[in-house]
Protein backbone atom coordinates (compact mmCIF):
# COMPACT_ATOMS: atom_id res chain seq x y z
CA MET A 1 12.65 23.90 67.53
CA GLY A 2 11.64 23.71 71.15
CA SER A 3 10.41 20.64 72.87
CA PHE A 4 8.42 21.91 75.78
CA VAL A 5 5.28 23.89 76.31
CA CYS A 6 5.21 26.71 78.80
CA VAL A 7 2.15 28.79 79.66
CA GLN A 8 3.48 32.17 80.73
CA ALA A 9 1.49 34.95 82.32
CA LEU A 10 2.54 38.23 80.76
CA ASP A 11 0.52 40.90 82.53
CA ASP A 12 -3.04 40.43 81.22
CA LEU A 13 -1.90 38.61 78.08
CA MET A 14 -1.49 34.84 78.06
CA PHE A 15 -0.27 32.81 75.13
CA GLU A 16 0.87 29.24 74.77
CA ARG A 17 4.28 28.39 73.43
CA PRO A 18 3.80 25.90 70.58
CA GLN A 19 5.73 22.66 70.62
CA SER A 20 7.02 23.17 67.09
CA GLY A 21 7.73 26.37 65.25
CA GLU A 22 9.54 25.99 61.94
CA LYS A 23 8.07 29.10 60.26
CA ALA A 24 10.34 31.91 61.35
CA VAL A 25 10.90 35.62 60.85
CA LEU A 26 14.62 36.43 61.05
CA VAL A 27 15.84 39.70 62.58
CA HIS A 28 19.40 41.00 62.30
CA VAL A 29 20.39 44.16 64.18
CA ALA A 30 23.68 45.63 62.93
CA LEU A 31 25.57 47.53 65.64
CA PRO A 32 26.71 49.86 64.11
CA GLY A 33 26.88 50.11 60.33
CA PRO A 34 25.38 47.94 57.61
CA PRO A 35 25.75 44.14 57.85
CA GLU A 36 27.90 42.12 55.48
CA ALA A 37 26.07 39.93 52.96
CA ASP A 38 27.97 36.83 54.17
CA GLU A 39 26.96 37.64 57.74
CA LEU A 40 23.27 37.60 56.78
CA GLN A 41 23.76 34.41 54.76
CA GLU A 42 25.40 32.68 57.73
CA PHE A 43 22.46 33.70 59.94
CA THR A 44 19.99 32.28 57.42
CA ASP A 45 22.03 29.06 57.17
CA LEU A 46 22.05 28.75 60.97
CA ALA A 47 18.25 29.04 61.05
CA ARG A 48 17.88 26.40 58.33
CA SER A 49 20.37 24.12 60.11
CA ALA A 50 18.11 24.24 63.16
CA GLY A 51 15.10 23.15 61.07
CA ALA A 52 13.47 26.57 60.66
CA GLU A 53 11.81 27.77 57.47
CA PRO A 54 12.87 31.42 57.11
CA LEU A 55 9.93 33.45 55.81
CA THR A 56 11.63 36.83 55.69
CA LEU A 57 14.72 38.61 56.99
CA VAL A 58 14.43 42.03 58.63
CA SER A 59 17.73 43.92 58.87
CA VAL A 60 18.04 46.88 61.25
CA GLN A 61 20.87 49.36 61.79
CA ARG A 62 21.29 50.94 65.21
CA LYS A 63 24.06 52.69 67.11
CA LEU A 64 22.99 51.03 70.35
CA PRO A 65 20.42 48.33 71.16
CA ASP A 66 17.11 49.45 72.63
CA VAL A 67 16.97 48.60 76.33
CA ARG A 68 13.43 47.23 76.21
CA LEU A 69 12.98 45.69 72.73
CA TYR A 70 16.58 45.67 71.39
CA LEU A 71 15.58 46.85 67.89
CA GLY A 72 13.39 49.86 68.75
CA SER A 73 9.60 50.26 68.89
CA GLY A 74 9.17 51.26 65.21
CA LYS A 75 10.98 48.25 63.79
CA ALA A 76 9.41 46.02 66.42
CA GLU A 77 5.99 47.07 65.11
CA GLU A 78 7.14 46.24 61.57
CA VAL A 79 8.27 42.78 62.67
CA ARG A 80 4.97 42.20 64.48
CA GLU A 81 3.08 42.95 61.26
CA GLN A 82 5.30 40.48 59.39
CA VAL A 83 4.61 37.83 62.03
CA LYS A 84 0.84 38.30 61.64
CA GLN A 85 0.83 38.49 57.83
CA LEU A 86 3.08 35.45 57.35
CA ASP A 87 1.54 33.45 60.19
CA ALA A 88 5.00 32.93 61.72
CA GLU A 89 5.43 30.89 64.87
CA LEU A 90 8.90 32.09 65.81
CA VAL A 91 11.09 35.19 65.64
CA ILE A 92 14.85 34.54 65.66
CA PHE A 93 17.35 37.30 66.46
CA ASP A 94 20.93 37.16 65.22
CA ASN A 95 21.92 38.92 68.42
CA PRO A 96 22.19 38.02 72.11
CA LEU A 97 19.08 39.12 74.00
CA SER A 98 18.80 39.72 77.72
CA PRO A 99 16.10 37.72 79.55
CA SER A 100 13.94 40.83 79.96
CA GLN A 101 14.28 41.76 76.28
CA GLU A 102 13.29 38.23 75.28
CA ARG A 103 10.18 38.36 77.50
CA ASN A 104 9.24 41.84 76.28
CA LEU A 105 9.55 40.76 72.66
CA GLU A 106 7.49 37.60 73.20
CA LYS A 107 4.76 39.71 74.75
CA PHE A 108 4.95 42.22 71.89
CA PHE A 109 5.01 39.66 69.04
CA GLU A 110 2.70 37.13 70.74
CA CYS A 111 4.98 34.29 69.67
CA ARG A 112 8.21 32.66 70.71
CA VAL A 113 11.47 34.58 70.44
CA LEU A 114 14.90 32.98 70.18
CA ASP A 115 18.26 34.74 70.22
CA ARG A 116 21.52 33.66 68.55
CA THR A 117 22.71 31.75 71.60
CA GLY A 118 19.49 29.77 71.87
CA LEU A 119 19.59 29.05 68.13
CA ILE A 120 23.12 27.61 68.23
CA LEU A 121 22.28 25.62 71.35
CA ASP A 122 19.31 24.11 69.53
CA ILE A 123 21.50 23.10 66.58
CA PHE A 124 24.04 21.51 68.90
CA ALA A 125 21.25 19.62 70.68
CA GLN A 126 20.20 18.12 67.34
CA ARG A 127 23.76 17.21 66.28
CA ALA A 128 24.97 15.58 69.53
CA ARG A 129 25.19 11.82 69.20
CA SER A 130 27.57 10.57 71.89
CA HIS A 131 26.75 10.41 75.60
CA GLU A 132 29.40 13.06 76.30
CA GLY A 133 28.13 15.37 73.56
CA LYS A 134 24.56 15.18 74.84
CA LEU A 135 25.70 15.95 78.39
CA GLN A 136 27.73 18.93 77.21
CA VAL A 137 24.83 20.37 75.22
CA GLU A 138 22.41 19.86 78.10
CA LEU A 139 24.83 21.61 80.45
CA ALA A 140 25.09 24.58 78.11
CA GLN A 141 21.30 24.73 77.69
CA LEU A 142 20.69 24.61 81.42
CA ARG A 143 23.22 27.36 82.09
CA HIS A 144 21.51 29.48 79.45
CA LEU A 145 18.07 28.67 80.83
CA SER A 146 19.09 29.52 84.39
CA THR A 147 19.15 33.21 83.46
CA ARG A 148 15.74 33.00 81.81
CA LEU A 149 13.53 31.41 84.45
CA VAL A 150 10.28 33.35 84.57
CA ARG A 151 7.05 33.03 86.51
CA GLY A 152 5.59 30.52 84.09
CA TRP A 153 3.51 28.81 86.76
CA THR A 154 2.12 31.65 88.86
CA HIS A 155 -0.95 29.62 89.76
CA LEU A 156 1.31 27.43 91.91
CA GLU A 157 2.82 30.27 93.92
CA ARG A 158 2.24 29.76 97.64
CA GLN A 159 3.65 32.92 99.17
CA LYS A 160 0.74 35.29 98.60
CA GLY A 161 -0.91 34.31 101.88
CA GLY A 162 -4.64 33.98 102.48
CA ILE A 163 -6.86 31.01 103.17
CA GLY A 164 -5.82 27.98 101.12
CA LEU A 165 -2.73 29.71 99.76
CA ARG A 166 -0.34 29.10 102.63
CA GLY A 167 2.20 26.46 101.72
CA PRO A 168 5.78 25.35 102.07
CA GLY A 169 7.09 28.86 101.54
CA GLU A 170 8.81 28.30 98.19
CA THR A 171 7.64 29.71 94.89
CA GLN A 172 7.64 27.54 91.77
CA LEU A 173 10.35 29.82 90.40
CA GLU A 174 12.60 29.03 93.36
CA THR A 175 11.82 25.33 93.05
CA ASP A 176 12.71 25.38 89.34
CA ARG A 177 15.96 27.20 90.05
CA ARG A 178 16.92 24.76 92.81
CA LEU A 179 16.17 21.70 90.64
CA LEU A 180 18.00 23.23 87.70
CA ASN A 181 21.12 23.88 89.79
CA GLN A 182 21.00 20.30 91.07
CA ARG A 183 20.88 19.00 87.49
CA ILE A 184 23.80 21.27 86.48
CA ASP A 185 25.89 19.88 89.36
CA GLN A 186 24.96 16.31 88.40
CA ILE A 187 25.98 16.79 84.76
CA GLY A 188 29.19 18.49 85.85
CA ARG A 189 30.15 15.43 87.90
CA ARG A 190 29.39 13.09 84.99
CA LEU A 191 31.47 15.17 82.59
CA ALA A 192 34.33 15.20 85.09
CA ARG A 193 34.36 11.38 84.97
CA VAL A 194 34.32 11.41 81.15
CA ASP A 195 37.15 13.95 81.12
CA SER A 196 39.15 11.71 83.47
CA GLN A 197 38.74 8.83 81.00
CA ARG A 198 39.88 11.06 78.13
CA GLU A 199 42.93 12.11 80.12
CA GLN A 200 43.85 8.45 80.62
CA GLY A 201 43.76 8.00 76.85
CA ARG A 202 45.94 11.07 76.35
CA ARG A 203 48.48 9.78 78.92
CA ALA A 204 48.61 6.42 77.14
CA ARG A 205 49.32 8.15 73.81
CA ARG A 206 52.05 10.23 75.44
CA ARG A 207 53.65 7.10 76.93
CA ASN A 208 53.64 5.46 73.51
CA GLU A 209 54.97 8.71 72.01
CA VAL A 210 52.20 8.85 69.42
CA PRO A 211 51.76 12.49 68.32
CA THR A 212 48.26 13.96 68.14
CA VAL A 213 47.07 16.31 65.40
CA SER A 214 43.79 18.15 65.94
CA LEU A 215 41.63 19.59 63.15
CA VAL A 216 40.19 23.00 63.98
CA GLY A 217 38.43 25.58 61.87
CA TYR A 218 35.31 27.56 61.15
CA THR A 219 32.18 25.52 60.74
CA ASN A 220 31.61 24.23 57.20
CA ALA A 221 35.28 24.78 56.26
CA GLY A 222 35.51 21.08 55.35
CA LYS A 223 37.17 19.57 58.43
CA SER A 224 35.12 16.37 58.44
CA THR A 225 35.57 15.91 54.68
CA LEU A 226 39.33 16.28 55.12
CA PHE A 227 39.22 13.91 58.12
CA ASN A 228 37.43 11.29 55.99
CA ARG A 229 39.89 11.79 53.13
CA LEU A 230 42.87 11.19 55.45
CA THR A 231 41.41 8.36 57.54
CA ALA A 232 38.49 6.83 55.56
CA ALA A 233 36.54 7.08 58.82
CA GLY A 234 33.12 7.77 57.27
CA VAL A 235 32.38 10.67 59.61
CA TYR A 236 29.11 12.48 58.78
CA ALA A 237 29.96 15.41 56.50
CA ARG A 238 27.43 17.70 54.82
CA ASP A 239 27.39 21.21 53.37
CA GLN A 240 25.72 22.67 56.45
CA LEU A 241 26.76 24.42 59.63
CA PHE A 242 27.77 22.16 62.53
CA ALA A 243 27.28 18.97 60.48
CA THR A 244 29.29 17.11 63.11
CA LEU A 245 29.59 17.80 66.80
CA ASP A 246 31.16 14.85 68.61
CA PRO A 247 34.97 14.49 68.42
CA THR A 248 36.40 11.52 66.52
CA LEU A 249 39.95 10.15 66.80
CA ARG A 250 41.64 7.91 64.21
CA ARG A 251 45.20 6.76 63.55
CA ILE A 252 46.84 7.54 60.20
CA GLU A 253 50.15 6.40 58.74
CA LEU A 254 52.70 8.84 57.32
CA ASP A 255 55.11 8.45 54.42
CA ASP A 256 58.01 7.36 56.65
CA GLY A 257 55.97 4.57 58.25
CA SER A 258 55.32 6.42 61.49
CA GLY A 259 51.80 7.10 62.73
CA LEU A 260 49.83 9.81 64.44
CA ILE A 261 46.38 10.31 65.97
CA LEU A 262 44.10 12.68 64.05
CA ALA A 263 41.23 14.31 65.98
CA ASP A 264 38.21 15.94 64.34
CA THR A 265 36.64 18.58 66.63
CA VAL A 266 33.56 20.79 66.65
CA GLY A 267 33.53 23.70 64.21
CA PHE A 268 33.60 27.28 65.42
CA VAL A 269 31.37 30.16 64.39
CA SER A 270 31.37 33.92 64.88
CA ARG A 271 30.11 35.02 68.30
CA LEU A 272 30.16 31.45 69.60
CA PRO A 273 28.14 31.46 72.86
CA HIS A 274 30.29 31.47 75.98
CA GLU A 275 28.06 28.71 77.39
CA LEU A 276 29.23 26.41 74.61
CA VAL A 277 32.91 27.30 74.96
CA ALA A 278 32.67 26.52 78.68
CA ALA A 279 30.64 23.31 78.23
CA PHE A 280 32.89 21.92 75.49
CA LYS A 281 36.21 22.64 77.19
CA SER A 282 36.71 18.95 77.96
CA THR A 283 36.22 18.09 74.27
CA LEU A 284 38.41 20.99 73.16
CA GLN A 285 41.10 19.73 75.55
CA GLU A 286 42.10 17.43 72.69
CA THR A 287 43.05 20.63 70.88
CA VAL A 288 44.97 22.04 73.85
CA GLU A 289 46.93 18.80 74.31
CA ALA A 290 47.65 18.30 70.59
CA ASP A 291 51.21 18.36 69.25
CA LEU A 292 50.01 20.16 66.11
CA LEU A 293 46.84 21.88 64.89
CA LEU A 294 45.58 21.73 61.32
CA HIS A 295 43.62 24.97 60.99
CA VAL A 296 41.26 24.25 58.09
CA VAL A 297 40.21 27.40 56.20
CA ASP A 298 37.56 27.78 53.50
CA ALA A 299 39.78 29.30 50.80
CA HIS A 300 36.69 30.13 48.71
CA SER A 301 35.00 32.24 51.40
CA ARG A 302 35.10 36.02 51.07
CA GLN A 303 35.12 36.20 54.87
CA ARG A 304 38.05 33.86 55.38
CA ALA A 305 40.17 36.50 57.18
CA GLU A 306 37.36 37.15 59.68
CA GLN A 307 36.76 33.41 60.08
CA ILE A 308 40.44 32.80 60.80
CA ALA A 309 40.31 35.54 63.45
CA GLU A 310 37.22 33.95 65.07
CA VAL A 311 38.93 30.55 65.30
CA GLU A 312 42.07 32.11 66.78
CA ASP A 313 39.91 33.88 69.38
CA VAL A 314 38.30 30.60 70.52
CA LEU A 315 41.73 28.92 70.61
CA ARG A 316 42.89 31.69 72.95
CA GLN A 317 39.83 31.14 75.15
CA VAL A 318 40.57 27.43 75.59
CA GLY A 319 44.34 27.91 76.00
CA ALA A 320 45.46 26.43 72.67
CA HIS A 321 46.92 29.59 71.12
CA ASP A 322 50.54 28.42 71.62
CA VAL A 323 50.10 25.01 69.95
CA PRO A 324 52.05 24.84 66.63
CA ARG A 325 49.85 24.78 63.55
CA ILE A 326 49.66 24.36 59.81
CA GLU A 327 46.99 26.33 57.94
CA VAL A 328 45.11 24.14 55.45
CA PHE A 329 43.41 26.23 52.78
CA ASN A 330 40.65 23.90 51.58
CA LYS A 331 38.21 24.04 48.62
CA ILE A 332 40.73 25.17 46.00
CA ASP A 333 38.53 23.35 43.47
CA LEU A 334 36.10 26.29 43.83
CA ILE A 335 38.79 28.90 43.08
CA ASP A 336 39.71 29.89 39.54
CA GLY A 337 43.25 28.72 38.97
CA GLY A 338 43.49 27.15 42.41
CA GLU A 339 46.62 24.99 42.50
CA PRO A 340 47.81 22.66 45.27
CA ARG A 341 50.98 23.85 46.95
CA VAL A 342 52.91 23.87 50.22
CA GLU A 343 54.16 27.18 51.64
CA ARG A 344 57.11 27.34 54.05
CA ASP A 345 58.61 29.83 56.49
CA ASP A 346 62.16 31.23 56.42
CA ARG A 347 63.52 28.02 57.97
CA GLY A 348 61.81 25.84 55.35
CA VAL A 349 59.19 24.49 57.76
CA PRO A 350 55.76 23.83 56.15
CA THR A 351 53.24 26.40 57.43
CA ARG A 352 50.41 26.38 54.86
CA VAL A 353 48.97 23.78 52.49
CA TRP A 354 46.48 24.47 49.67
CA LEU A 355 44.26 21.50 48.75
CA SER A 356 40.78 20.19 48.02
CA ALA A 357 39.45 17.59 50.45
CA VAL A 358 36.60 16.76 48.04
CA THR A 359 38.76 15.92 45.01
CA GLY A 360 41.87 14.83 46.91
CA THR A 361 44.07 17.36 45.11
CA GLY A 362 46.95 18.41 47.36
CA ILE A 363 46.41 15.69 49.98
CA ALA A 364 49.85 14.23 49.22
CA GLY A 365 51.36 17.63 49.99
CA LEU A 366 49.64 17.68 53.38
CA ILE A 367 50.84 14.15 54.23
CA GLY A 368 54.36 15.19 53.26
CA ALA A 369 54.12 18.33 55.41
CA LEU A 370 52.99 16.27 58.40
CA SER A 371 55.86 13.83 57.86
CA GLU A 372 58.32 16.73 57.80
CA ARG A 373 56.89 18.35 60.92
CA PHE A 374 57.04 15.12 62.92
CA ARG A 375 60.32 13.91 61.50
CA GLY A 376 61.41 17.18 62.96
CA GLU A 377 64.62 19.08 63.41
CA VAL A 378 67.44 17.05 64.94
CA ILE A 379 69.38 19.04 67.50
CA SER A 380 72.82 18.26 68.93
CA GLY A 381 73.99 19.14 72.38
CA ARG A 382 76.33 18.35 75.22
CA LEU A 383 74.78 17.29 78.50
CA HIS A 384 76.50 17.09 81.87
CA LEU A 385 75.08 14.52 84.28
CA GLY A 386 76.15 14.16 87.88
CA PRO A 387 77.05 10.85 89.54
CA ALA A 388 73.51 10.48 90.95
CA GLU A 389 71.84 10.79 87.55
CA GLY A 390 72.54 7.33 86.24
CA ARG A 391 68.82 6.70 85.61
CA LEU A 392 68.66 9.59 83.14
CA ARG A 393 71.86 8.42 81.45
CA ALA A 394 70.33 4.97 80.98
CA LEU A 395 67.15 6.54 79.55
CA LEU A 396 69.14 8.49 76.95
CA PHE A 397 71.04 5.37 75.92
CA GLU A 398 67.75 3.46 75.70
CA GLN A 399 66.42 6.09 73.27
CA GLY A 400 69.56 5.81 71.14
CA ALA A 401 70.25 9.50 71.65
CA VAL A 402 73.87 9.27 72.91
CA VAL A 403 76.54 9.61 70.21
CA GLY A 404 79.51 10.23 72.50
CA GLU A 405 80.43 9.88 76.17
CA TYR A 406 83.36 10.61 78.46
CA HIS A 407 83.87 10.86 82.21
CA ALA A 408 83.60 14.19 83.96
CA GLN A 409 85.89 15.36 86.76
CA ASP A 410 83.10 15.19 89.35
CA GLY A 411 82.56 11.48 88.69
CA GLY A 412 79.62 12.07 86.38
CA TRP A 413 79.38 12.00 82.60
CA GLU A 414 79.59 14.36 79.67
CA LEU A 415 77.24 13.11 76.93
CA ASP A 416 77.06 14.22 73.32
CA VAL A 417 73.41 13.79 72.42
CA GLU A 418 71.31 14.00 69.25
CA LEU A 419 67.52 14.28 69.62
CA LYS A 420 64.56 15.39 67.61
CA ARG A 421 63.43 18.78 68.82
CA ARG A 422 60.04 17.31 69.78
CA GLU A 423 61.67 14.50 71.76
CA TYR A 424 63.91 17.01 73.54
CA ASP A 425 60.87 19.11 74.51
CA ARG A 426 59.12 16.03 75.90
CA LEU A 427 62.24 15.03 77.82
CA VAL A 428 62.48 18.48 79.41
CA LYS A 429 58.83 18.21 80.48
CA ARG A 430 59.63 14.93 82.26
CA GLU A 431 63.06 16.01 83.57
CA PRO A 432 63.10 19.84 83.92
CA ALA A 433 66.66 19.80 85.29
CA ILE A 434 67.95 18.87 81.82
CA ALA A 435 67.34 22.37 80.49
CA GLY A 436 69.86 23.81 82.96
CA CYS A 437 72.72 21.49 82.00
CA TRP A 438 72.13 21.28 78.21
CA HIS A 439 74.41 23.16 75.84
CA GLU A 440 73.26 23.08 72.23
CA THR A 441 76.04 22.71 69.65
CA ALA A 442 76.14 23.30 65.93
CA GLU A 443 77.61 19.88 65.33
CA THR A 444 78.08 16.68 67.26
CA VAL A 445 81.25 16.55 69.31
CA SER A 446 83.35 13.47 68.62
CA GLU A 447 83.58 10.81 71.28
CA ALA A 448 86.38 11.30 73.81
CA GLY A 449 88.58 8.46 74.88
């Protein structure tokens, strides 16, 4: 689970952090009230996904966390006995621990302690495959580590004074912090270059008017399985948390012969560490820039309402809460009487699709819903262009959007235009002045002589 050895002086007690520690005691502190069974199961699955072998799970209820040990001295003593009896090498908390709490607990248990943030970071480190993914994980780990630097090398400290102890005037702790900040800056610059390359790809897709659809959802909801079903991409997909980490983009063809870019992104989880949300913002930018989100939901999960809320919270954090979406309720093959169907809003627009990515049931309904959404509503309007706006007039004719034209009194043109709503929105982004001189009509005005 960890890859480095640190010898840390903790008062008079010294212990060595082992290089591997799969045998783990799990600790969940519910604040307040009893924990949900699915919450405990997700914690256990997270530990297994990281390569740990859970020996036992200790659940604690508290109104507030203990300042020193988080779970209180009595329960801490109980956990210490479990560690000794089961010969555990690691204690994992399903809670965020402060640096001082983590150090106090390591001293008390005489073994390594990992909190929820460190656990998820470890899983992400194992799953990252691309150069960008590895850089993002390392950045998140370093930011997390920067708050947890301790005097692990006190024998190197040079500021105590005395014969033979006078040195350059910098403690090892300060040296570590300086080197760590330098590495964080270096990774940040590399990720900025990668993000610039991604932005070039997004601009090219916008120029070619190829819409982008991004898959989002709670981890293990079946996003990668659905991605493979739609694109035959062969993306790694397993029944485990965070099976895939790196984003993958593929083109798919719709029923009407048009195409779109489908992007598979990292799965979300409850209480996703802020370090990861910050580090993966460049990857999640594919979600922000998407024309449509497919929010994949595990229809079989008893916690699906809470999982939907967690995904929506992360989408708000990255600025994607206003992107249009279709909810895809997956795994209907695990529901008694689960039938594929497409649900629509009051205007008849598809908003929810029920399907099974494993069996393929309902996939045709999703393809049809995507075709409808991108075929889009055709709007009609009258547009007044001044004499100096000939370039825009030519652009509208080039797009085949003009259905009628006559001369205006000021020497300009009055154009009757029909556009897909999506094309109109893109045109307004490029030419904001259009919005001020566009008058939407219920029907196309006939051409004037």
